[in-house]
């Protein structure tokens, strides 16, 4: 019996404090719930105090709960849920290829 379920890709757009350990805390939350991150992109904002973080995940029905948990993290300032934008990640991958 095939138990696989097709899951849509979703992008989480986070605004977070910019200091060591924030990415680890966010990724650790997903890892602790056996939730795989399909893509991660982080860039500092102009002010230097905050970063934008994009996380691409498969929405397997647990998305609402994990977003609630992400919002509880001390260094997470804002969370927006949107459709996946793989072109951003594809363009970045193209830039990194030799």
PDB file of N, CA and C in Angstrom:
ATOM      1  N   UNK A   1       0.841  -1.179   0.000  1.00  0.00           N
ATOM      2  CA  UNK A   1       0.000   0.000   0.000  1.00  0.00           C
ATOM      3  C   UNK A   1       0.877   1.230   0.000  1.00  0.00           C
ATOM      4  N   UNK A   2       0.614   2.159  -0.874  1.00  0.00           N
ATOM      5  CA  UNK A   2       1.400   3.372  -0.989  1.00  0.00           C
ATOM      6  C   UNK A   2       0.811   4.437  -0.084  1.00  0.00           C
ATOM      7  N   UNK A   3       1.548   4.845   0.969  1.00  0.00           N
ATOM      8  CA  UNK A   3       1.064   5.830   1.926  1.00  0.00           C
ATOM      9  C   UNK A   3       1.562   7.225   1.637  1.00  0.00           C
ATOM     10  N   UNK A   4       2.182   7.426   0.475  1.00  0.00           N
ATOM     11  CA  UNK A   4       2.712   8.754   0.196  1.00  0.00           C
ATOM     12  C   UNK A   4       1.596   9.720  -0.157  1.00  0.00           C
ATOM     13  N   UNK A   5       1.772  10.935   0.293  1.00  0.00           N
ATOM     14  CA  UNK A   5       0.805  11.991   0.041  1.00  0.00           C
ATOM     15  C   UNK A   5       1.542  13.128  -0.637  1.00  0.00           C
ATOM     16  N   UNK A   6       0.975  13.642  -1.721  1.00  0.00           N
ATOM     17  CA  UNK A   6       1.577  14.773  -2.394  1.00  0.00           C
ATOM     18  C   UNK A   6       1.331  16.023  -1.569  1.00  0.00           C
ATOM     19  N   UNK A   7       2.400  16.737  -1.241  1.00  0.00           N
ATOM     20  CA  UNK A   7       2.298  17.933  -0.425  1.00  0.00           C
ATOM     21  C   UNK A   7       2.723  19.144  -1.238  1.00  0.00           C
ATOM     22  N   UNK A   8       1.972  20.216  -1.105  1.00  0.00           N
ATOM     23  CA  UNK A   8       2.311  21.451  -1.789  1.00  0.00           C
ATOM     24  C   UNK A   8       3.469  22.126  -1.068  1.00  0.00           C
ATOM     25  N   UNK A   9       4.311  22.796  -1.836  1.00  0.00           N
ATOM     26  CA  UNK A   9       5.385  23.565  -1.225  1.00  0.00           C
ATOM     27  C   UNK A   9       4.843  24.902  -0.754  1.00  0.00           C
ATOM     28  N   UNK A  10       5.286  25.300   0.415  1.00  0.00           N
ATOM     29  CA  UNK A  10       4.883  26.558   1.027  1.00  0.00           C
ATOM     30  C   UNK A  10       6.142  27.299   1.444  1.00  0.00           C
ATOM     31  N   UNK A  11       6.118  28.619   1.336  1.00  0.00           N
ATOM     32  CA  UNK A  11       7.234  29.431   1.795  1.00  0.00           C
ATOM     33  C   UNK A  11       6.828  30.193   3.038  1.00  0.00           C
ATOM     34  N   UNK A  12       7.650  30.106   4.066  1.00  0.00           N
ATOM     35  CA  UNK A  12       7.473  30.926   5.257  1.00  0.00           C
ATOM     36  C   UNK A  12       8.441  32.092   5.147  1.00  0.00           C
ATOM     37  N   UNK A  13       7.922  33.299   5.276  1.00  0.00           N
ATOM     38  CA  UNK A  13       8.733  34.513   5.248  1.00  0.00           C
ATOM     39  C   UNK A  13       8.839  34.989   6.691  1.00  0.00           C
ATOM     40  N   UNK A  14      10.045  34.978   7.245  1.00  0.00           N
ATOM     41  CA  UNK A  14      10.247  35.373   8.633  1.00  0.00           C
ATOM     42  C   UNK A  14      11.082  36.637   8.716  1.00  0.00           C
ATOM     43  N   UNK A  15      10.766  37.465   9.671  1.00  0.00           N
ATOM     44  CA  UNK A  15      11.622  38.568  10.073  1.00  0.00           C
ATOM     45  C   UNK A  15      12.138  38.183  11.452  1.00  0.00           C
ATOM     46  N   UNK A  16      13.472  38.168  11.597  1.00  0.00           N
ATOM     47  CA  UNK A  16      14.072  37.695  12.844  1.00  0.00           C
ATOM     48  C   UNK A  16      15.166  38.653  13.299  1.00  0.00           C
ATOM     49  N   UNK A  17      15.492  38.590  14.588  1.00  0.00           N
ATOM     50  CA  UNK A  17      16.631  39.346  15.104  1.00  0.00           C
ATOM     51  C   UNK A  17      17.905  38.790  14.494  1.00  0.00           C
ATOM     52  N   UNK A  18      18.864  39.664  14.229  1.00  0.00           N
ATOM     53  CA  UNK A  18      20.116  39.273  13.589  1.00  0.00           C
ATOM     54  C   UNK A  18      21.207  39.116  14.640  1.00  0.00           C
ATOM     55  N   UNK A  19      21.336  37.901  15.157  1.00  0.00           N
ATOM     56  CA  UNK A  19      22.454  37.581  16.039  1.00  0.00           C
ATOM     57  C   UNK A  19      22.694  36.077  16.019  1.00  0.00           C
ATOM     58  N   UNK A  20      23.874  35.641  16.488  1.00  0.00           N
ATOM     59  CA  UNK A  20      24.221  34.223  16.417  1.00  0.00           C
ATOM     60  C   UNK A  20      23.195  33.323  17.109  1.00  0.00           C
ATOM     61  N   UNK A  21      22.901  32.211  16.457  1.00  0.00           N
ATOM     62  CA  UNK A  21      22.024  31.200  17.037  1.00  0.00           C
ATOM     63  C   UNK A  21      20.581  31.244  16.583  1.00  0.00           C
ATOM     64  N   UNK A  22      20.160  32.329  15.939  1.00  0.00           N
ATOM     65  CA  UNK A  22      18.748  32.450  15.542  1.00  0.00           C
ATOM     66  C   UNK A  22      18.397  31.401  14.489  1.00  0.00           C
ATOM     67  N   UNK A  23      19.224  31.265  13.460  1.00  0.00           N
ATOM     68  CA  UNK A  23      18.960  30.264  12.423  1.00  0.00           C
ATOM     69  C   UNK A  23      18.925  28.866  13.035  1.00  0.00           C
ATOM     70  N   UNK A  24      19.829  28.596  13.945  1.00  0.00           N
ATOM     71  CA  UNK A  24      19.866  27.295  14.616  1.00  0.00           C
ATOM     72  C   UNK A  24      18.580  27.028  15.396  1.00  0.00           C
ATOM     73  N   UNK A  25      18.077  28.033  16.093  1.00  0.00           N
ATOM     74  CA  UNK A  25      16.837  27.858  16.855  1.00  0.00           C
ATOM     75  C   UNK A  25      15.656  27.573  15.935  1.00  0.00           C
ATOM     76  N   UNK A  26      15.565  28.322  14.842  1.00  0.00           N
ATOM     77  CA  UNK A  26      14.453  28.125  13.908  1.00  0.00           C
ATOM     78  C   UNK A  26      14.545  26.739  13.272  1.00  0.00           C
ATOM     79  N   UNK A  27      15.722  26.386  12.765  1.00  0.00           N
ATOM     80  CA  UNK A  27      15.887  25.075  12.128  1.00  0.00           C
ATOM     81  C   UNK A  27      15.702  23.942  13.132  1.00  0.00           C
ATOM     82  N   UNK A  28      16.141  24.151  14.359  1.00  0.00           N
ATOM     83  CA  UNK A  28      15.979  23.146  15.401  1.00  0.00           C
ATOM     84  C   UNK A  28      14.527  22.857  15.712  1.00  0.00           C
ATOM     85  N   UNK A  29      13.696  23.884  15.629  1.00  0.00           N
ATOM     86  CA  UNK A  29      12.267  23.690  15.859  1.00  0.00           C
ATOM     87  C   UNK A  29      11.691  22.725  14.816  1.00  0.00           C
ATOM     88  N   UNK A  30      12.086  22.913  13.559  1.00  0.00           N
ATOM     89  CA  UNK A  30      11.616  22.027  12.494  1.00  0.00           C
ATOM     90  C   UNK A  30      12.193  20.621  12.667  1.00  0.00           C
ATOM     91  N   UNK A  31      13.479  20.528  12.965  1.00  0.00           N
ATOM     92  CA  UNK A  31      14.122  19.222  13.127  1.00  0.00           C
ATOM     93  C   UNK A  31      13.508  18.443  14.277  1.00  0.00           C
ATOM     94  N   UNK A  32      13.190  19.127  15.354  1.00  0.00           N
ATOM     95  CA  UNK A  32      12.607  18.472  16.518  1.00  0.00           C
ATOM     96  C   UNK A  32      11.229  17.892  16.260  1.00  0.00           C
ATOM     97  N   UNK A  33      10.604  18.332  15.189  1.00  0.00           N
ATOM     98  CA  UNK A  33       9.279  17.833  14.821  1.00  0.00           C
ATOM     99  C   UNK A  33       9.338  16.975  13.553  1.00  0.00           C
ATOM    100  N   UNK A  34      10.552  16.551  13.189  1.00  0.00           N
ATOM    101  CA  UNK A  34      10.778  15.712  12.003  1.00  0.00           C
ATOM    102  C   UNK A  34      10.188  16.348  10.751  1.00  0.00           C
ATOM    103  N   UNK A  35      10.393  17.647  10.614  1.00  0.00           N
ATOM    104  CA  UNK A  35       9.872  18.422   9.489  1.00  0.00           C
ATOM    105  C   UNK A  35      11.062  18.852   8.654  1.00  0.00           C
ATOM    106  N   UNK A  36      11.129  18.426   7.403  1.00  0.00           N
ATOM    107  CA  UNK A  36      12.262  18.726   6.545  1.00  0.00           C
ATOM    108  C   UNK A  36      12.122  20.103   5.907  1.00  0.00           C
ATOM    109  N   UNK A  37      13.207  20.864   5.904  1.00  0.00           N
ATOM    110  CA  UNK A  37      13.250  22.139   5.197  1.00  0.00           C
ATOM    111  C   UNK A  37      13.761  21.870   3.787  1.00  0.00           C
ATOM    112  N   UNK A  38      12.985  22.252   2.788  1.00  0.00           N
ATOM    113  CA  UNK A  38      13.360  22.036   1.391  1.00  0.00           C
ATOM    114  C   UNK A  38      14.293  23.130   0.885  1.00  0.00           C
ATOM    115  N   UNK A  39      14.256  24.295   1.516  1.00  0.00           N
ATOM    116  CA  UNK A  39      15.116  25.410   1.129  1.00  0.00           C
ATOM    117  C   UNK A  39      15.183  26.432   2.244  1.00  0.00           C
ATOM    118  N   UNK A  40      16.359  27.046   2.391  1.00  0.00           N
ATOM    119  CA  UNK A  40      16.566  28.072   3.414  1.00  0.00           C
ATOM    120  C   UNK A  40      17.384  29.196   2.786  1.00  0.00           C
ATOM    121  N   UNK A  41      16.926  30.428   2.972  1.00  0.00           N
ATOM    122  CA  UNK A  41      17.659  31.598   2.500  1.00  0.00           C
ATOM    123  C   UNK A  41      17.541  32.664   3.574  1.00  0.00           C
ATOM    124  N   UNK A  42      18.677  33.241   3.969  1.00  0.00           N
ATOM    125  CA  UNK A  42      18.690  34.271   5.009  1.00  0.00           C
ATOM    126  C   UNK A  42      19.547  35.426   4.524  1.00  0.00           C
ATOM    127  N   UNK A  43      19.044  36.644   4.711  1.00  0.00           N
ATOM    128  CA  UNK A  43      19.808  37.826   4.342  1.00  0.00           C
ATOM    129  C   UNK A  43      19.540  38.937   5.350  1.00  0.00           C
ATOM    130  N   UNK A  44      20.579  39.693   5.719  1.00  0.00           N
ATOM    131  CA  UNK A  44      20.363  40.773   6.681  1.00  0.00           C
ATOM    132  C   UNK A  44      19.594  41.933   6.058  1.00  0.00           C
ATOM    133  N   UNK A  45      18.824  42.621   6.893  1.00  0.00           N
ATOM    134  CA  UNK A  45      18.127  43.836   6.470  1.00  0.00           C
ATOM    135  C   UNK A  45      19.123  44.995   6.505  1.00  0.00           C
ATOM    136  N   UNK A  46      18.752  46.121   5.908  1.00  0.00           N
ATOM    137  CA  UNK A  46      19.632  47.288   5.841  1.00  0.00           C
ATOM    138  C   UNK A  46      20.017  47.806   7.221  1.00  0.00           C
ATOM    139  N   UNK A  47      19.126  47.658   8.195  1.00  0.00           N
ATOM    140  CA  UNK A  47      19.419  48.176   9.540  1.00  0.00           C
ATOM    141  C   UNK A  47      20.472  47.349  10.278  1.00  0.00           C
ATOM    142  N   UNK A  48      20.736  46.123   9.815  1.00  0.00           N
ATOM    143  CA  UNK A  48      21.723  45.263  10.447  1.00  0.00           C
ATOM    144  C   UNK A  48      21.245  44.574  11.713  1.00  0.00           C
ATOM    145  N   UNK A  49      20.106  45.005  12.247  1.00  0.00           N
ATOM    146  CA  UNK A  49      19.577  44.422  13.480  1.00  0.00           C
ATOM    147  C   UNK A  49      18.641  43.251  13.226  1.00  0.00           C
ATOM    148  N   UNK A  50      18.120  43.152  12.006  1.00  0.00           N
ATOM    149  CA  UNK A  50      17.168  42.095  11.670  1.00  0.00           C
ATOM    150  C   UNK A  50      17.582  41.407  10.374  1.00  0.00           C
ATOM    151  N   UNK A  51      17.018  40.237  10.153  1.00  0.00           N
ATOM    152  CA  UNK A  51      17.240  39.464   8.925  1.00  0.00           C
ATOM    153  C   UNK A  51      15.900  39.025   8.369  1.00  0.00           C
ATOM    154  N   UNK A  52      15.873  38.789   7.063  1.00  0.00           N
ATOM    155  CA  UNK A  52      14.744  38.137   6.412  1.00  0.00           C
ATOM    156  C   UNK A  52      15.152  36.692   6.199  1.00  0.00           C
ATOM    157  N   UNK A  53      14.232  35.798   6.473  1.00  0.00           N
ATOM    158  CA  UNK A  53      14.483  34.370   6.333  1.00  0.00           C
ATOM    159  C   UNK A  53      13.342  33.771   5.519  1.00  0.00           C
ATOM    160  N   UNK A  54      13.693  33.010   4.495  1.00  0.00           N
ATOM    161  CA  UNK A  54      12.704  32.300   3.696  1.00  0.00           C
ATOM    162  C   UNK A  54      12.929  30.812   3.907  1.00  0.00           C
ATOM    163  N   UNK A  55      11.884  30.104   4.261  1.00  0.00           N
ATOM    164  CA  UNK A  55      11.943  28.660   4.459  1.00  0.00           C
ATOM    165  C   UNK A  55      10.935  28.008   3.528  1.00  0.00           C
ATOM    166  N   UNK A  56      11.394  27.099   2.691  1.00  0.00           N
ATOM    167  CA  UNK A  56      10.495  26.345   1.821  1.00  0.00           C
ATOM    168  C   UNK A  56      10.262  24.992   2.473  1.00  0.00           C
ATOM    169  N   UNK A  57       8.990  24.658   2.688  1.00  0.00           N
ATOM    170  CA  UNK A  57       8.614  23.410   3.348  1.00  0.00           C
ATOM    171  C   UNK A  57       7.462  22.760   2.596  1.00  0.00           C
ATOM    172  N   UNK A  58       7.325  21.454   2.757  1.00  0.00           N
ATOM    173  CA  UNK A  58       6.162  20.751   2.219  1.00  0.00           C
ATOM    174  C   UNK A  58       5.049  20.844   3.245  1.00  0.00           C
ATOM    175  N   UNK A  59       3.906  21.328   2.818  1.00  0.00           N
ATOM    176  CA  UNK A  59       2.753  21.456   3.709  1.00  0.00           C
ATOM    177  C   UNK A  59       2.038  20.115   3.755  1.00  0.00           C
ATOM    178  N   UNK A  60       2.294  19.369   4.819  1.00  0.00           N
ATOM    179  CA  UNK A  60       1.702  18.039   4.950  1.00  0.00           C
ATOM    180  C   UNK A  60       0.546  18.015   5.942  1.00  0.00           C
ATOM    181  N   UNK A  61      -0.016  19.178   6.219  1.00  0.00           N
ATOM    182  CA  UNK A  61      -1.148  19.244   7.131  1.00  0.00           C
ATOM    183  C   UNK A  61      -0.791  19.730   8.523  1.00  0.00           C
ATOM    184  N   UNK A  62       0.517  19.825   8.809  1.00  0.00           N
ATOM    185  CA  UNK A  62       0.956  20.297  10.125  1.00  0.00           C
ATOM    186  C   UNK A  62       1.405  21.751  10.102  1.00  0.00           C
ATOM    187  N   UNK A  63       1.227  22.419   8.961  1.00  0.00           N
ATOM    188  CA  UNK A  63       1.772  23.762   8.788  1.00  0.00           C
ATOM    189  C   UNK A  63       1.228  24.751   9.817  1.00  0.00           C
ATOM    190  N   UNK A  64      -0.062  24.734  10.060  1.00  0.00           N
ATOM    191  CA  UNK A  64      -0.659  25.683  10.997  1.00  0.00           C
ATOM    192  C   UNK A  64      -0.023  25.558  12.381  1.00  0.00           C
ATOM    193  N   UNK A  65       0.176  24.335  12.835  1.00  0.00           N
ATOM    194  CA  UNK A  65       0.763  24.117  14.158  1.00  0.00           C
ATOM    195  C   UNK A  65       2.214  24.564  14.215  1.00  0.00           C
ATOM    196  N   UNK A  66       2.989  24.248  13.177  1.00  0.00           N
ATOM    197  CA  UNK A  66       4.401  24.624  13.225  1.00  0.00           C
ATOM    198  C   UNK A  66       4.567  26.135  13.118  1.00  0.00           C
ATOM    199  N   UNK A  67       3.697  26.807  12.371  1.00  0.00           N
ATOM    200  CA  UNK A  67       3.752  28.274  12.297  1.00  0.00           C
ATOM    201  C   UNK A  67       3.481  28.874  13.677  1.00  0.00           C
ATOM    202  N   UNK A  68       2.543  28.308  14.405  1.00  0.00           N
ATOM    203  CA  UNK A  68       2.275  28.780  15.774  1.00  0.00           C
ATOM    204  C   UNK A  68       3.518  28.646  16.643  1.00  0.00           C
ATOM    205  N   UNK A  69       4.240  27.536  16.489  1.00  0.00           N
ATOM    206  CA  UNK A  69       5.449  27.316  17.275  1.00  0.00           C
ATOM    207  C   UNK A  69       6.562  28.281  16.866  1.00  0.00           C
ATOM    208  N   UNK A  70       6.705  28.535  15.568  1.00  0.00           N
ATOM    209  CA  UNK A  70       7.721  29.477  15.088  1.00  0.00           C
ATOM    210  C   UNK A  70       7.447  30.865  15.657  1.00  0.00           C
ATOM    211  N   UNK A  71       6.189  31.269  15.657  1.00  0.00           N
ATOM    212  CA  UNK A  71       5.830  32.596  16.178  1.00  0.00           C
ATOM    213  C   UNK A  71       6.160  32.752  17.661  1.00  0.00           C
ATOM    214  N   UNK A  72       6.249  31.656  18.398  1.00  0.00           N
ATOM    215  CA  UNK A  72       6.562  31.709  19.828  1.00  0.00           C
ATOM    216  C   UNK A  72       8.054  31.908  20.106  1.00  0.00           C
ATOM    217  N   UNK A  73       8.900  31.689  19.100  1.00  0.00           N
ATOM    218  CA  UNK A  73      10.336  31.856  19.311  1.00  0.00           C
ATOM    219  C   UNK A  73      10.652  33.321  19.596  1.00  0.00           C
ATOM    220  N   UNK A  74      11.482  33.553  20.593  1.00  0.00           N
ATOM    221  CA  UNK A  74      11.797  34.899  21.072  1.00  0.00           C
ATOM    222  C   UNK A  74      12.325  35.819  19.966  1.00  0.00           C
ATOM    223  N   UNK A  75      13.194  35.309  19.108  1.00  0.00           N
ATOM    224  CA  UNK A  75      13.837  36.144  18.094  1.00  0.00           C
ATOM    225  C   UNK A  75      13.053  36.271  16.796  1.00  0.00           C
ATOM    226  N   UNK A  76      11.910  35.640  16.699  1.00  0.00           N
ATOM    227  CA  UNK A  76      11.068  35.758  15.505  1.00  0.00           C
ATOM    228  C   UNK A  76      10.130  36.941  15.693  1.00  0.00           C
ATOM    229  N   UNK A  77      10.250  37.918  14.800  1.00  0.00           N
ATOM    230  CA  UNK A  77       9.470  39.147  14.898  1.00  0.00           C
ATOM    231  C   UNK A  77       8.179  39.085  14.096  1.00  0.00           C
ATOM    232  N   UNK A  78       8.202  38.354  12.971  1.00  0.00           N
ATOM    233  CA  UNK A  78       7.026  38.268  12.108  1.00  0.00           C
ATOM    234  C   UNK A  78       7.113  36.992  11.278  1.00  0.00           C
ATOM    235  N   UNK A  79       5.961  36.404  10.980  1.00  0.00           N
ATOM    236  CA  UNK A  79       5.880  35.216  10.125  1.00  0.00           C
ATOM    237  C   UNK A  79       4.746  35.424   9.137  1.00  0.00           C
ATOM    238  N   UNK A  80       5.041  35.246   7.858  1.00  0.00           N
ATOM    239  CA  UNK A  80       4.034  35.285   6.806  1.00  0.00           C
ATOM    240  C   UNK A  80       4.098  33.960   6.055  1.00  0.00           C
ATOM    241  N   UNK A  81       2.953  33.415   5.726  1.00  0.00           N
ATOM    242  CA  UNK A  81       2.876  32.148   4.997  1.00  0.00           C
ATOM    243  C   UNK A  81       2.427  32.444   3.581  1.00  0.00           C
ATOM    244  N   UNK A  82       3.163  31.908   2.601  1.00  0.00           N
ATOM    245  CA  UNK A  82       2.809  32.138   1.206  1.00  0.00           C
ATOM    246  C   UNK A  82       3.068  30.906   0.374  1.00  0.00           C
ATOM    247  N   UNK A  83       2.731  31.005  -0.890  1.00  0.00           N
ATOM    248  CA  UNK A  83       3.018  29.917  -1.818  1.00  0.00           C
ATOM    249  C   UNK A  83       4.519  29.877  -2.063  1.00  0.00           C
ATOM    250  N   UNK A  84       5.024  28.711  -2.343  1.00  0.00           N
ATOM    251  CA  UNK A  84       6.458  28.546  -2.570  1.00  0.00           C
ATOM    252  C   UNK A  84       6.898  29.355  -3.777  1.00  0.00           C
ATOM    253  N   UNK A  85       8.073  29.917  -3.663  1.00  0.00           N
ATOM    254  CA  UNK A  85       8.678  30.676  -4.746  1.00  0.00           C
ATOM    255  C   UNK A  85      10.010  30.030  -5.104  1.00  0.00           C
ATOM    256  N   UNK A  86       9.949  28.858  -5.724  1.00  0.00           N
ATOM    257  CA  UNK A  86      11.193  28.138  -5.990  1.00  0.00           C
ATOM    258  C   UNK A  86      12.117  28.869  -6.949  1.00  0.00           C
ATOM    259  N   UNK A  87      11.592  29.830  -7.736  1.00  0.00           N
ATOM    260  CA  UNK A  87      12.458  30.530  -8.676  1.00  0.00           C
ATOM    261  C   UNK A  87      13.556  31.292  -7.953  1.00  0.00           C
ATOM    262  N   UNK A  88      13.276  31.823  -6.774  1.00  0.00           N
ATOM    263  CA  UNK A  88      14.303  32.519  -5.996  1.00  0.00           C
ATOM    264  C   UNK A  88      15.427  31.550  -5.664  1.00  0.00           C
ATOM    265  N   UNK A  89      15.075  30.362  -5.229  1.00  0.00           N
ATOM    266  CA  UNK A  89      16.078  29.367  -4.874  1.00  0.00           C
ATOM    267  C   UNK A  89      16.783  28.836  -6.118  1.00  0.00           C
ATOM    268  N   UNK A  90      16.055  28.677  -7.221  1.00  0.00           N
ATOM    269  CA  UNK A  90      16.674  28.214  -8.462  1.00  0.00           C
ATOM    270  C   UNK A  90      17.687  29.232  -8.980  1.00  0.00           C
ATOM    271  N   UNK A  91      17.337  30.529  -8.913  1.00  0.00           N
ATOM    272  CA  UNK A  91      18.271  31.568  -9.360  1.00  0.00           C
ATOM    273  C   UNK A  91      19.520  31.583  -8.490  1.00  0.00           C
ATOM    274  N   UNK A  92      19.337  31.437  -7.198  1.00  0.00           N
ATOM    275  CA  UNK A  92      20.481  31.414  -6.295  1.00  0.00           C
ATOM    276  C   UNK A  92      21.366  30.205  -6.585  1.00  0.00           C
ATOM    277  N   UNK A  93      20.765  29.057  -6.790  1.00  0.00           N
ATOM    278  CA  UNK A  93      21.533  27.850  -7.105  1.00  0.00           C
ATOM    279  C   UNK A  93      22.313  28.042  -8.404  1.00  0.00           C
ATOM    280  N   UNK A  94      21.699  28.701  -9.397  1.00  0.00           N
ATOM    281  CA  UNK A  94      22.375  28.973 -10.659  1.00  0.00           C
ATOM    282  C   UNK A  94      23.594  29.860 -10.477  1.00  0.00           C
ATOM    283  N   UNK A  95      23.496  30.819  -9.577  1.00  0.00           N
ATOM    284  CA  UNK A  95      24.628  31.709  -9.295  1.00  0.00           C
ATOM    285  C   UNK A  95      25.771  30.973  -8.612  1.00  0.00           C
ATOM    286  N   UNK A  96      25.450  29.938  -7.854  1.00  0.00           N
ATOM    287  CA  UNK A  96      26.464  29.215  -7.089  1.00  0.00           C
ATOM    288  C   UNK A  96      27.136  28.100  -7.880  1.00  0.00           C
ATOM    289  N   UNK A  97      26.562  27.737  -9.031  1.00  0.00           N
ATOM    290  CA  UNK A  97      27.150  26.672  -9.842  1.00  0.00           C
ATOM    291  C   UNK A  97      28.414  27.168 -10.516  1.00  0.00           C
ATOM    292  N   UNK A  98      29.365  26.269 -10.632  1.00  0.00           N
ATOM    293  CA  UNK A  98      30.642  26.618 -11.276  1.00  0.00           C
ATOM    294  C   UNK A  98      30.522  26.576 -12.770  1.00  0.00           C
TER     295      UNK A  98
END
